[in-house]
């Protein structure tokens, strides 16, 4: 199994984009996240893999405000419920936010608000599948990757999305 990765420097730190079997399989925000999730998997740093190059370029364009949506082949591994949530997240327009309740309603399960949060946490493709665009009903930032609301705040600010501190 070939796993390659490329990196992008951003205001969030180093973003690692991992490619496996010609699909984007993971996005890690920061060295610690990359080391934690890729330990033992031995991805190879690549500057000449076509998909790595394209993914890095699209991520750089996103952070430079030249890209509003990613167009990459994605490996979404999760339960049927998780993938249904991730498809809704992927459809949230740049600069727009949904509440956890709105996401639950879009998947046809208005009582699944907490489960939406868990599906967001399980998202291995943050930024590309924009779980940062899901906020509390009161417009306040709630957990991102557990407790990293600072990342959510920076991404939503970059996109010009409205939220409350």
Protein backbone atom coordinates (compact mmCIF):
# COMPACT_ATOMS: atom_id res chain seq x y z
CA UNK A 1 0.00 0.00 0.00
CA UNK A 2 1.47 3.33 -1.04
CA UNK A 3 0.90 6.30 1.24
CA UNK A 4 2.30 9.67 0.26
CA UNK A 5 1.98 13.09 1.80
CA UNK A 6 2.61 16.73 1.11
CA UNK A 7 2.59 19.76 3.38
CA UNK A 8 1.19 23.29 3.34
CA UNK A 9 2.29 26.04 5.71
CA UNK A 10 -0.69 28.01 7.02
CA UNK A 11 -1.77 30.21 9.90
CA UNK A 12 -2.83 26.96 11.59
CA UNK A 13 0.69 25.56 11.33
CA UNK A 14 1.74 22.79 8.99
CA UNK A 15 -1.11 21.02 7.21
CA UNK A 16 -0.30 17.44 6.17
CA UNK A 17 -2.29 15.95 3.29
CA UNK A 18 -2.07 12.16 3.02
CA UNK A 19 -2.78 10.26 -0.20
CA UNK A 20 -3.49 6.54 -0.21
CA UNK A 21 -4.41 4.48 -3.29
CA UNK A 22 -4.86 7.65 -5.38
CA UNK A 23 -7.37 9.17 -2.92
CA UNK A 24 -6.95 11.88 -0.30
CA UNK A 25 -7.28 9.83 2.88
CA UNK A 26 -6.37 12.26 5.67
CA UNK A 27 -5.66 15.88 6.50
CA UNK A 28 -3.70 16.55 9.69
CA UNK A 29 -3.47 19.98 11.26
CA UNK A 30 -0.09 20.36 12.95
CA UNK A 31 2.91 18.12 13.59
CA UNK A 32 1.41 16.53 16.71
CA UNK A 33 -1.76 15.46 14.87
CA UNK A 34 0.30 14.04 11.99
CA UNK A 35 2.64 12.09 14.29
CA UNK A 36 -0.25 10.73 16.38
CA UNK A 37 -2.30 9.44 13.44
CA UNK A 38 0.43 8.38 11.02
CA UNK A 39 2.73 6.59 13.48
CA UNK A 40 3.60 3.20 12.06
CA UNK A 41 1.93 3.87 8.70
CA UNK A 42 5.10 5.38 7.22
CA UNK A 43 3.75 7.72 4.56
CA UNK A 44 6.41 8.95 2.14
CA UNK A 45 6.92 12.67 1.61
CA UNK A 46 6.41 13.32 -2.10
CA UNK A 47 6.80 16.34 -4.31
CA UNK A 48 6.25 14.48 -7.55
CA UNK A 49 3.01 12.58 -6.89
CA UNK A 50 0.40 14.26 -9.09
CA UNK A 51 -2.42 14.03 -6.54
CA UNK A 52 -0.19 15.27 -3.69
CA UNK A 53 0.74 18.26 -5.86
CA UNK A 54 -2.90 18.98 -6.73
CA UNK A 55 -4.09 18.64 -3.11
CA UNK A 56 -1.30 20.90 -1.85
CA UNK A 57 -2.10 23.49 -4.54
CA UNK A 58 -5.82 23.46 -3.70
CA UNK A 59 -5.06 23.83 0.03
CA UNK A 60 -2.68 26.74 -0.68
CA UNK A 61 -5.37 28.34 -2.85
CA UNK A 62 -7.91 27.92 -0.03
CA UNK A 63 -5.64 29.68 2.48
CA UNK A 64 -4.96 32.44 -0.08
CA UNK A 65 -8.71 32.96 -0.61
CA UNK A 66 -8.49 31.79 -4.23
CA UNK A 67 -10.48 28.58 -3.67
CA UNK A 68 -13.88 28.15 -2.05
CA UNK A 69 -14.42 24.42 -2.66
CA UNK A 70 -12.09 21.45 -3.01
CA UNK A 71 -12.24 19.17 -6.01
CA UNK A 72 -10.26 16.08 -5.06
CA UNK A 73 -10.93 12.32 -5.01
CA UNK A 74 -11.66 11.54 -1.35
CA UNK A 75 -11.50 8.39 0.72
CA UNK A 76 -14.36 8.70 3.20
CA UNK A 77 -14.15 5.76 5.57
CA UNK A 78 -16.89 5.67 8.16
CA UNK A 79 -20.28 4.35 9.03
CA UNK A 80 -23.28 5.01 6.82
CA UNK A 81 -24.39 7.66 9.33
CA UNK A 82 -20.97 9.38 9.35
CA UNK A 83 -20.72 9.47 5.56
CA UNK A 84 -24.25 10.94 5.32
CA UNK A 85 -23.16 13.72 7.71
CA UNK A 86 -19.90 14.31 5.81
CA UNK A 87 -21.80 14.68 2.53
CA UNK A 88 -23.93 17.43 4.10
CA UNK A 89 -20.79 19.11 5.48
CA UNK A 90 -19.16 18.99 2.05
CA UNK A 91 -22.19 20.81 0.61
CA UNK A 92 -22.03 23.74 3.09
CA UNK A 93 -20.94 26.76 1.04
CA UNK A 94 -17.74 28.66 1.80
CA UNK A 95 -18.36 31.41 4.34
CA UNK A 96 -21.62 29.84 5.54
CA UNK A 97 -22.36 28.03 8.78
CA UNK A 98 -24.96 25.45 9.76
CA UNK A 99 -25.98 24.53 13.27
CA UNK A 100 -25.67 20.94 14.44
CA UNK A 101 -29.49 20.93 14.41
CA UNK A 102 -29.60 21.99 10.74
CA UNK A 103 -27.19 19.20 9.78
CA UNK A 104 -29.31 16.69 11.72
CA UNK A 105 -32.43 17.87 9.87
CA UNK A 106 -30.67 17.67 6.48
CA UNK A 107 -29.86 13.99 7.06
CA UNK A 108 -33.47 13.40 8.14
CA UNK A 109 -32.78 12.74 11.82
CA UNK A 110 -33.52 15.85 13.88
CA UNK A 111 -32.70 14.08 17.15
CA UNK A 112 -29.13 13.22 16.09
CA UNK A 113 -27.53 16.51 17.18
CA UNK A 114 -24.95 14.91 19.51
CA UNK A 115 -24.19 12.20 16.96
CA UNK A 116 -23.49 14.95 14.40
CA UNK A 117 -20.78 16.23 16.73
CA UNK A 118 -19.26 12.76 16.97
CA UNK A 119 -19.32 12.35 13.17
CA UNK A 120 -17.56 15.72 12.86
CA UNK A 121 -14.92 14.55 15.32
CA UNK A 122 -14.39 11.36 13.26
CA UNK A 123 -13.87 13.37 10.04
CA UNK A 124 -10.36 12.53 8.76
CA UNK A 125 -10.55 15.23 6.08
CA UNK A 126 -10.95 18.52 7.98
CA UNK A 127 -10.95 21.71 5.91
CA UNK A 128 -11.75 19.70 2.74
CA UNK A 129 -14.90 18.32 4.41
CA UNK A 130 -15.59 21.52 6.34
CA UNK A 131 -16.70 20.43 9.80
CA UNK A 132 -15.50 23.86 10.98
CA UNK A 133 -18.64 25.30 9.36
CA UNK A 134 -20.88 23.61 11.95
CA UNK A 135 -21.51 25.74 15.01
CA UNK A 136 -23.98 25.93 17.89
CA UNK A 137 -27.59 27.02 17.33
CA UNK A 138 -26.73 30.18 19.29
CA UNK A 139 -24.02 30.99 16.65
CA UNK A 140 -21.25 30.18 19.16
CA UNK A 141 -18.24 28.06 18.34
CA UNK A 142 -18.39 24.63 19.86
CA UNK A 143 -15.80 21.88 19.89
CA UNK A 144 -13.59 21.33 16.87
CA UNK A 145 -11.58 18.11 16.84
CA UNK A 146 -12.58 17.84 20.46
CA UNK A 147 -11.45 21.12 21.98
CA UNK A 148 -9.62 22.97 19.22
CA UNK A 149 -12.10 25.81 18.71
CA UNK A 150 -9.17 28.13 17.94
CA UNK A 151 -8.79 26.29 14.61
CA UNK A 152 -12.51 26.63 13.88
CA UNK A 153 -12.31 30.34 14.68
CA UNK A 154 -9.36 30.91 12.33
CA UNK A 155 -10.98 29.00 9.46
CA UNK A 156 -14.34 30.75 9.81
CA UNK A 157 -12.59 34.13 10.04
CA UNK A 158 -10.63 33.31 6.85
CA UNK A 159 -13.95 32.55 5.13
CA UNK A 160 -15.69 35.65 6.52
CA UNK A 161 -18.38 33.55 8.21
CA UNK A 162 -20.48 34.95 11.03
CA UNK A 163 -20.24 33.52 14.55
CA UNK A 164 -20.14 34.66 18.17
CA UNK A 165 -17.12 34.42 20.48
